[in-house]
């Protein structure tokens, strides 16, 4: 597993925890269904990140036409699995929780790409400093 995928998985986990806390703090109607939907969506996001890495690695060893067909097939497979997940979430769990979990993949990709580790630490430190200043504790 590449460092980028590892960082993406960490971001997905962190974003899932934030979304869970935000949803529970906002008072979702069915906390258990929201939590399960969110975890299902985030799990799918993590799986899609791992699958995408595998597809890219495998397609690099193929001829051009075979690689194009393989990546298209895997693309359709990922979207088919996403559709199944959304149907399951809509019927049995929280559709919004699952959607938020699925979006963590895209957000983590942007975070990993645009925030380098030092910048990410600076953002976290600034957020912590802002919270300290807002409640009067130093």
C-alpha atoms as a PDB file:
ATOM      1  CA  UNK A   1       0.000   0.000   0.000  1.00  0.00           C
ATOM      2  CA  UNK A   2       1.366   3.402  -0.961  1.00  0.00           C
ATOM      3  CA  UNK A   3       1.833   6.270   1.468  1.00  0.00           C
ATOM      4  CA  UNK A   4      -0.827   8.256  -0.357  1.00  0.00           C
ATOM      5  CA  UNK A   5      -3.444   5.553   0.157  1.00  0.00           C
ATOM      6  CA  UNK A   6      -2.429   5.204   3.806  1.00  0.00           C
ATOM      7  CA  UNK A   7      -2.894   8.952   4.279  1.00  0.00           C
ATOM      8  CA  UNK A   8      -6.228   8.815   2.483  1.00  0.00           C
ATOM      9  CA  UNK A   9      -7.416   6.029   4.771  1.00  0.00           C
ATOM     10  CA  UNK A  10      -6.392   8.058   7.816  1.00  0.00           C
ATOM     11  CA  UNK A  11      -8.249  11.079   6.442  1.00  0.00           C
ATOM     12  CA  UNK A  12     -11.331   8.951   5.766  1.00  0.00           C
ATOM     13  CA  UNK A  13     -11.241   7.696   9.354  1.00  0.00           C
ATOM     14  CA  UNK A  14     -10.776  11.198  10.757  1.00  0.00           C
ATOM     15  CA  UNK A  15     -13.529  12.672   8.607  1.00  0.00           C
ATOM     16  CA  UNK A  16     -15.843   9.838   9.630  1.00  0.00           C
ATOM     17  CA  UNK A  17     -15.260  10.586  13.303  1.00  0.00           C
ATOM     18  CA  UNK A  18     -15.932  14.295  12.667  1.00  0.00           C
ATOM     19  CA  UNK A  19     -19.113  13.515  10.714  1.00  0.00           C
ATOM     20  CA  UNK A  20     -20.268  11.169  13.453  1.00  0.00           C
ATOM     21  CA  UNK A  21     -19.690  13.771  16.153  1.00  0.00           C
ATOM     22  CA  UNK A  22     -21.383  16.483  14.083  1.00  0.00           C
ATOM     23  CA  UNK A  23     -24.395  14.307  13.320  1.00  0.00           C
ATOM     24  CA  UNK A  24     -24.866  13.227  16.905  1.00  0.00           C
ATOM     25  CA  UNK A  25     -24.388  16.795  18.163  1.00  0.00           C
ATOM     26  CA  UNK A  26     -26.966  18.018  15.642  1.00  0.00           C
ATOM     27  CA  UNK A  27     -29.426  15.475  17.009  1.00  0.00           C
ATOM     28  CA  UNK A  28     -30.110  13.114  14.115  1.00  0.00           C
ATOM     29  CA  UNK A  29     -33.474  11.362  14.411  1.00  0.00           C
ATOM     30  CA  UNK A  30     -32.057   7.841  14.490  1.00  0.00           C
ATOM     31  CA  UNK A  31     -28.479   7.884  15.825  1.00  0.00           C
ATOM     32  CA  UNK A  32     -27.865   4.151  15.385  1.00  0.00           C
ATOM     33  CA  UNK A  33     -29.046   4.138  11.760  1.00  0.00           C
ATOM     34  CA  UNK A  34     -27.046   7.298  11.044  1.00  0.00           C
ATOM     35  CA  UNK A  35     -23.910   5.773  12.591  1.00  0.00           C
ATOM     36  CA  UNK A  36     -24.287   2.498  10.693  1.00  0.00           C
ATOM     37  CA  UNK A  37     -24.971   4.322   7.415  1.00  0.00           C
ATOM     38  CA  UNK A  38     -21.952   6.547   7.960  1.00  0.00           C
ATOM     39  CA  UNK A  39     -19.703   3.595   8.779  1.00  0.00           C
ATOM     40  CA  UNK A  40     -20.992   1.661   5.767  1.00  0.00           C
ATOM     41  CA  UNK A  41     -20.330   4.619   3.471  1.00  0.00           C
ATOM     42  CA  UNK A  42     -16.888   5.266   4.953  1.00  0.00           C
ATOM     43  CA  UNK A  43     -16.038   1.575   4.676  1.00  0.00           C
ATOM     44  CA  UNK A  44     -17.026   1.679   1.019  1.00  0.00           C
ATOM     45  CA  UNK A  45     -14.837   4.765   0.555  1.00  0.00           C
ATOM     46  CA  UNK A  46     -11.865   2.977   2.086  1.00  0.00           C
ATOM     47  CA  UNK A  47     -12.527  -0.071  -0.075  1.00  0.00           C
ATOM     48  CA  UNK A  48     -12.780   2.072  -3.203  1.00  0.00           C
ATOM     49  CA  UNK A  49      -9.444   3.748  -2.398  1.00  0.00           C
ATOM     50  CA  UNK A  50      -7.755   0.366  -2.007  1.00  0.00           C
ATOM     51  CA  UNK A  51      -9.423  -1.013  -5.127  1.00  0.00           C
ATOM     52  CA  UNK A  52      -8.439   2.005  -7.188  1.00  0.00           C
ATOM     53  CA  UNK A  53      -4.799   1.581  -6.197  1.00  0.00           C
ATOM     54  CA  UNK A  54      -4.943  -2.087  -7.174  1.00  0.00           C
ATOM     55  CA  UNK A  55      -6.615  -1.309 -10.501  1.00  0.00           C
ATOM     56  CA  UNK A  56      -4.019   1.320 -11.377  1.00  0.00           C
ATOM     57  CA  UNK A  57      -1.120  -0.970 -10.480  1.00  0.00           C
ATOM     58  CA  UNK A  58      -2.559  -3.847 -12.481  1.00  0.00           C
ATOM     59  CA  UNK A  59      -3.470  -1.732 -15.517  1.00  0.00           C
ATOM     60  CA  UNK A  60       0.089  -0.407 -15.799  1.00  0.00           C
ATOM     61  CA  UNK A  61       1.257  -3.941 -16.623  1.00  0.00           C
ATOM     62  CA  UNK A  62      -1.296  -4.381 -19.435  1.00  0.00           C
ATOM     63  CA  UNK A  63      -1.379  -3.370 -23.053  1.00  0.00           C
ATOM     64  CA  UNK A  64      -3.152  -0.082 -23.768  1.00  0.00           C
ATOM     65  CA  UNK A  65      -6.468  -1.515 -25.014  1.00  0.00           C
ATOM     66  CA  UNK A  66      -6.660  -4.161 -22.297  1.00  0.00           C
ATOM     67  CA  UNK A  67      -5.864  -1.548 -19.642  1.00  0.00           C
ATOM     68  CA  UNK A  68      -8.618   0.753 -20.940  1.00  0.00           C
ATOM     69  CA  UNK A  69     -11.181  -2.056 -20.884  1.00  0.00           C
ATOM     70  CA  UNK A  70     -10.080  -3.231 -17.442  1.00  0.00           C
ATOM     71  CA  UNK A  71     -10.224   0.240 -15.887  1.00  0.00           C
ATOM     72  CA  UNK A  72     -13.662   0.885 -17.442  1.00  0.00           C
ATOM     73  CA  UNK A  73     -14.968  -2.409 -16.076  1.00  0.00           C
ATOM     74  CA  UNK A  74     -13.616  -1.671 -12.606  1.00  0.00           C
ATOM     75  CA  UNK A  75     -15.062   1.861 -12.781  1.00  0.00           C
ATOM     76  CA  UNK A  76     -18.505   0.447 -13.524  1.00  0.00           C
ATOM     77  CA  UNK A  77     -18.054  -2.136 -10.777  1.00  0.00           C
ATOM     78  CA  UNK A  78     -17.280   0.532  -8.193  1.00  0.00           C
ATOM     79  CA  UNK A  79     -20.335   2.532  -9.179  1.00  0.00           C
ATOM     80  CA  UNK A  80     -22.525  -0.571  -9.136  1.00  0.00           C
ATOM     81  CA  UNK A  81     -21.358  -1.349  -5.598  1.00  0.00           C
ATOM     82  CA  UNK A  82     -22.003   2.273  -4.619  1.00  0.00           C
ATOM     83  CA  UNK A  83     -25.547   2.050  -6.001  1.00  0.00           C
ATOM     84  CA  UNK A  84     -26.186  -1.143  -4.026  1.00  0.00           C
ATOM     85  CA  UNK A  85     -24.847   0.524  -0.874  1.00  0.00           C
ATOM     86  CA  UNK A  86     -27.128   3.542  -1.358  1.00  0.00           C
ATOM     87  CA  UNK A  87     -30.181   1.333  -1.848  1.00  0.00           C
ATOM     88  CA  UNK A  88     -29.365  -0.663   1.284  1.00  0.00           C
ATOM     89  CA  UNK A  89     -28.783   2.535   3.240  1.00  0.00           C
ATOM     90  CA  UNK A  90     -32.013   4.116   1.985  1.00  0.00           C
ATOM     91  CA  UNK A  91     -34.083   1.085   2.950  1.00  0.00           C
ATOM     92  CA  UNK A  92     -32.446  -0.071   6.180  1.00  0.00           C
ATOM     93  CA  UNK A  93     -30.137   2.662   7.461  1.00  0.00           C
ATOM     94  CA  UNK A  94     -29.587   6.383   6.983  1.00  0.00           C
ATOM     95  CA  UNK A  95     -29.166   7.499   3.388  1.00  0.00           C
ATOM     96  CA  UNK A  96     -27.576  10.770   4.524  1.00  0.00           C
ATOM     97  CA  UNK A  97     -25.111   8.949   6.742  1.00  0.00           C
ATOM     98  CA  UNK A  98     -24.075   6.704   3.858  1.00  0.00           C
ATOM     99  CA  UNK A  99     -23.727   9.646   1.466  1.00  0.00           C
ATOM    100  CA  UNK A 100     -21.547  11.528   3.936  1.00  0.00           C
ATOM    101  CA  UNK A 101     -19.421   8.397   4.383  1.00  0.00           C
ATOM    102  CA  UNK A 102     -19.040   8.059   0.618  1.00  0.00           C
ATOM    103  CA  UNK A 103     -17.997  11.696   0.221  1.00  0.00           C
ATOM    104  CA  UNK A 104     -15.111  11.208   2.656  1.00  0.00           C
ATOM    105  CA  UNK A 105     -13.162   9.598  -0.207  1.00  0.00           C
ATOM    106  CA  UNK A 106     -13.250  12.748  -2.320  1.00  0.00           C
ATOM    107  CA  UNK A 107     -12.525  15.046   0.611  1.00  0.00           C
ATOM    108  CA  UNK A 108      -9.593  12.887   1.734  1.00  0.00           C
ATOM    109  CA  UNK A 109      -8.163  12.926  -1.798  1.00  0.00           C
ATOM    110  CA  UNK A 110      -8.157  16.735  -1.741  1.00  0.00           C
ATOM    111  CA  UNK A 111      -6.702  16.873   1.762  1.00  0.00           C
ATOM    112  CA  UNK A 112      -3.882  14.474   0.923  1.00  0.00           C
ATOM    113  CA  UNK A 113      -3.130  16.276  -2.341  1.00  0.00           C
ATOM    114  CA  UNK A 114      -3.273  19.873  -1.219  1.00  0.00           C
ATOM    115  CA  UNK A 115      -2.279  19.765   2.443  1.00  0.00           C
ATOM    116  CA  UNK A 116       1.239  18.579   2.972  1.00  0.00           C
ATOM    117  CA  UNK A 117       1.975  17.053   6.405  1.00  0.00           C
ATOM    118  CA  UNK A 118       3.534  20.255   7.787  1.00  0.00           C
ATOM    119  CA  UNK A 119       0.592  22.348   6.546  1.00  0.00           C
ATOM    120  CA  UNK A 120      -1.859  19.843   8.021  1.00  0.00           C
ATOM    121  CA  UNK A 121      -0.137  20.118  11.411  1.00  0.00           C
ATOM    122  CA  UNK A 122      -0.325  23.910  11.171  1.00  0.00           C
ATOM    123  CA  UNK A 123      -4.071  23.762  10.462  1.00  0.00           C
ATOM    124  CA  UNK A 124      -4.642  21.443  13.427  1.00  0.00           C
ATOM    125  CA  UNK A 125      -2.490  23.615  15.720  1.00  0.00           C
ATOM    126  CA  UNK A 126      -4.327  26.778  14.625  1.00  0.00           C
ATOM    127  CA  UNK A 127      -7.671  25.101  15.259  1.00  0.00           C
ATOM    128  CA  UNK A 128      -6.559  24.017  18.726  1.00  0.00           C
ATOM    129  CA  UNK A 129      -5.263  27.522  19.481  1.00  0.00           C
ATOM    130  CA  UNK A 130      -8.553  29.022  18.298  1.00  0.00           C
ATOM    131  CA  UNK A 131     -10.523  26.762  20.602  1.00  0.00           C
ATOM    132  CA  UNK A 132      -8.291  27.610  23.549  1.00  0.00           C
ATOM    133  CA  UNK A 133      -8.746  31.313  22.960  1.00  0.00           C
ATOM    134  CA  UNK A 134     -12.521  31.033  22.534  1.00  0.00           C
ATOM    135  CA  UNK A 135     -13.223  29.539  25.958  1.00  0.00           C
ATOM    136  CA  UNK A 136     -10.659  31.564  27.908  1.00  0.00           C
ATOM    137  CA  UNK A 137      -8.339  28.631  28.746  1.00  0.00           C
ATOM    138  CA  UNK A 138      -4.624  28.895  27.976  1.00  0.00           C
END
